[in-house]
């Protein structure tokens, strides 16, 4: 196998950790966006959709 294609267990764990950290940061930014939406019927609907879709990737990783 080509040396460049080999991934050690340590590298794989670091990659998963980096992805986890990225998804947590993404979820935090989604929450900030939701908090900036107007508090009306449309804003609440969009907020619910964003919270559901924007925070689920982190839960899928677990």
N, C-alpha and C. Protein backbone atom coordinates (compact mmCIF):
# COMPACT_ATOMS: atom_id res chain seq x y z
N UNK A 1 0.84 -1.18 0.00
CA UNK A 1 0.00 0.00 0.00
C UNK A 1 0.89 1.24 0.00
N UNK A 2 0.47 2.26 -0.70
CA UNK A 2 1.20 3.50 -0.81
C UNK A 2 1.29 4.17 0.57
N UNK A 3 2.47 4.67 0.93
CA UNK A 3 2.67 5.29 2.24
C UNK A 3 1.74 6.49 2.44
N UNK A 4 1.48 7.25 1.40
CA UNK A 4 0.64 8.45 1.53
C UNK A 4 -0.81 8.08 1.85
N UNK A 5 -1.24 6.88 1.50
CA UNK A 5 -2.62 6.48 1.71
C UNK A 5 -2.86 5.83 3.06
N UNK A 6 -1.81 5.50 3.75
CA UNK A 6 -1.96 4.86 5.05
C UNK A 6 -2.35 5.90 6.10
N UNK A 7 -3.33 5.56 6.89
CA UNK A 7 -3.77 6.43 7.98
C UNK A 7 -3.63 5.65 9.27
N UNK A 8 -2.87 6.20 10.18
CA UNK A 8 -2.68 5.52 11.46
C UNK A 8 -3.91 5.74 12.33
N UNK A 9 -4.03 4.92 13.35
CA UNK A 9 -5.15 5.02 14.28
C UNK A 9 -5.15 6.40 14.94
N UNK A 10 -3.97 6.90 15.29
CA UNK A 10 -3.84 8.22 15.90
C UNK A 10 -4.37 9.32 14.97
N UNK A 11 -4.00 9.26 13.70
CA UNK A 11 -4.46 10.25 12.74
C UNK A 11 -5.97 10.18 12.57
N UNK A 12 -6.51 8.99 12.55
CA UNK A 12 -7.95 8.82 12.40
C UNK A 12 -8.68 9.40 13.61
N UNK A 13 -8.19 9.13 14.81
CA UNK A 13 -8.80 9.68 16.00
C UNK A 13 -8.73 11.20 16.02
N UNK A 14 -7.60 11.77 15.58
CA UNK A 14 -7.45 13.21 15.53
C UNK A 14 -8.43 13.79 14.50
N UNK A 15 -8.59 13.12 13.39
CA UNK A 15 -9.52 13.57 12.35
C UNK A 15 -10.95 13.58 12.88
N UNK A 16 -11.34 12.54 13.60
CA UNK A 16 -12.68 12.47 14.18
C UNK A 16 -12.85 13.59 15.20
N UNK A 17 -11.84 13.83 16.01
CA UNK A 17 -11.90 14.89 17.00
C UNK A 17 -12.06 16.24 16.30
N UNK A 18 -11.30 16.48 15.24
CA UNK A 18 -11.41 17.74 14.50
C UNK A 18 -12.82 17.90 13.93
N UNK A 19 -13.40 16.84 13.40
CA UNK A 19 -14.74 16.90 12.86
C UNK A 19 -15.74 17.20 13.97
N UNK A 20 -15.58 16.56 15.10
CA UNK A 20 -16.47 16.79 16.23
C UNK A 20 -16.41 18.26 16.67
N UNK A 21 -15.21 18.79 16.78
CA UNK A 21 -15.05 20.19 17.17
C UNK A 21 -15.67 21.13 16.14
N UNK A 22 -15.48 20.82 14.87
CA UNK A 22 -16.06 21.63 13.80
C UNK A 22 -17.59 21.61 13.87
N UNK A 23 -18.17 20.45 14.11
CA UNK A 23 -19.63 20.35 14.19
C UNK A 23 -20.19 21.08 15.41
N UNK A 24 -19.46 21.07 16.51
CA UNK A 24 -19.89 21.83 17.69
C UNK A 24 -19.87 23.32 17.38
N UNK A 25 -18.81 23.78 16.73
CA UNK A 25 -18.72 25.20 16.35
C UNK A 25 -19.83 25.57 15.37
N UNK A 26 -20.11 24.70 14.43
CA UNK A 26 -21.17 24.94 13.45
C UNK A 26 -22.52 25.05 14.16
N UNK A 27 -22.79 24.16 15.09
CA UNK A 27 -24.05 24.19 15.85
C UNK A 27 -24.17 25.49 16.64
N UNK A 28 -23.08 25.94 17.22
CA UNK A 28 -23.08 27.19 17.97
C UNK A 28 -23.40 28.37 17.06
N UNK A 29 -22.85 28.37 15.85
CA UNK A 29 -23.15 29.46 14.90
C UNK A 29 -24.60 29.41 14.46
N UNK A 30 -25.15 28.21 14.28
CA UNK A 30 -26.56 28.08 13.92
C UNK A 30 -27.44 28.68 15.03
N UNK A 31 -27.11 28.39 16.26
CA UNK A 31 -27.88 28.93 17.38
C UNK A 31 -27.80 30.46 17.41
N UNK A 32 -26.63 31.01 17.11
CA UNK A 32 -26.49 32.47 17.05
C UNK A 32 -27.37 33.06 15.96
N UNK A 33 -27.43 32.40 14.81
CA UNK A 33 -28.28 32.87 13.71
C UNK A 33 -29.74 32.82 14.12
N UNK A 34 -30.14 31.72 14.75
CA UNK A 34 -31.53 31.56 15.19
C UNK A 34 -31.91 32.66 16.19
N UNK A 35 -31.01 32.98 17.10
CA UNK A 35 -31.29 34.03 18.08
C UNK A 35 -31.44 35.39 17.43
N UNK A 36 -30.86 35.59 16.25
CA UNK A 36 -30.96 36.88 15.56
C UNK A 36 -32.24 37.00 14.72
N UNK A 37 -32.96 35.90 14.54
CA UNK A 37 -34.19 35.94 13.74
C UNK A 37 -35.30 36.69 14.50
N UNK A 38 -36.21 37.31 13.76
CA UNK A 38 -37.31 38.01 14.43
C UNK A 38 -38.22 37.03 15.17
N UNK A 39 -38.80 37.52 16.25
CA UNK A 39 -39.68 36.67 17.06
C UNK A 39 -41.12 36.82 16.55
N UNK A 40 -41.34 36.28 15.37
CA UNK A 40 -42.69 36.27 14.80
C UNK A 40 -42.95 34.88 14.25
N UNK A 41 -44.10 34.69 13.65
CA UNK A 41 -44.49 33.36 13.20
C UNK A 41 -43.51 32.78 12.18
N UNK A 42 -43.11 33.56 11.22
CA UNK A 42 -42.18 33.08 10.19
C UNK A 42 -40.80 32.83 10.79
N UNK A 43 -40.33 33.78 11.60
CA UNK A 43 -39.02 33.63 12.23
C UNK A 43 -38.97 32.39 13.10
N UNK A 44 -40.04 32.12 13.82
CA UNK A 44 -40.08 30.94 14.69
C UNK A 44 -40.08 29.65 13.87
N UNK A 45 -40.78 29.66 12.75
CA UNK A 45 -40.79 28.47 11.89
C UNK A 45 -39.39 28.19 11.34
N UNK A 46 -38.77 29.23 10.81
CA UNK A 46 -37.42 29.07 10.25
C UNK A 46 -36.44 28.68 11.36
N UNK A 47 -36.59 29.28 12.54
CA UNK A 47 -35.71 28.95 13.66
C UNK A 47 -35.80 27.46 14.00
N UNK A 48 -37.02 26.94 14.03
CA UNK A 48 -37.19 25.52 14.34
C UNK A 48 -36.52 24.62 13.31
N UNK A 49 -36.66 24.99 12.05
CA UNK A 49 -36.04 24.20 10.98
C UNK A 49 -34.51 24.26 11.09
N UNK A 50 -33.98 25.46 11.33
CA UNK A 50 -32.52 25.61 11.44
C UNK A 50 -31.95 24.86 12.63
N UNK A 51 -32.63 24.96 13.76
CA UNK A 51 -32.15 24.25 14.96
C UNK A 51 -32.15 22.75 14.71
N UNK A 52 -33.22 22.26 14.10
CA UNK A 52 -33.32 20.81 13.84
C UNK A 52 -32.22 20.34 12.88
N UNK A 53 -32.07 21.03 11.77
CA UNK A 53 -31.10 20.57 10.76
C UNK A 53 -29.67 20.98 11.08
N UNK A 54 -29.50 22.10 11.76
CA UNK A 54 -28.15 22.60 12.02
C UNK A 54 -27.45 21.95 13.19
N UNK A 55 -28.20 21.32 14.08
CA UNK A 55 -27.57 20.68 15.23
C UNK A 55 -27.58 19.15 15.13
N UNK A 56 -28.29 18.59 14.18
CA UNK A 56 -28.36 17.13 14.07
C UNK A 56 -27.07 16.47 13.60
N UNK A 57 -26.23 17.11 12.76
CA UNK A 57 -25.01 16.40 12.34
C UNK A 57 -24.11 16.00 13.50
N UNK A 58 -24.04 16.80 14.55
CA UNK A 58 -23.23 16.44 15.70
C UNK A 58 -23.80 15.19 16.36
N UNK A 59 -25.10 15.11 16.47
CA UNK A 59 -25.72 13.94 17.09
C UNK A 59 -25.52 12.69 16.23
N UNK A 60 -25.45 12.85 14.93
CA UNK A 60 -25.23 11.72 14.04
C UNK A 60 -23.82 11.15 14.19
N UNK A 61 -22.89 11.98 14.62
CA UNK A 61 -21.50 11.55 14.77
C UNK A 61 -21.34 10.65 15.99
N UNK A 62 -22.15 10.87 17.00
CA UNK A 62 -22.01 10.13 18.27
C UNK A 62 -22.36 8.68 18.11
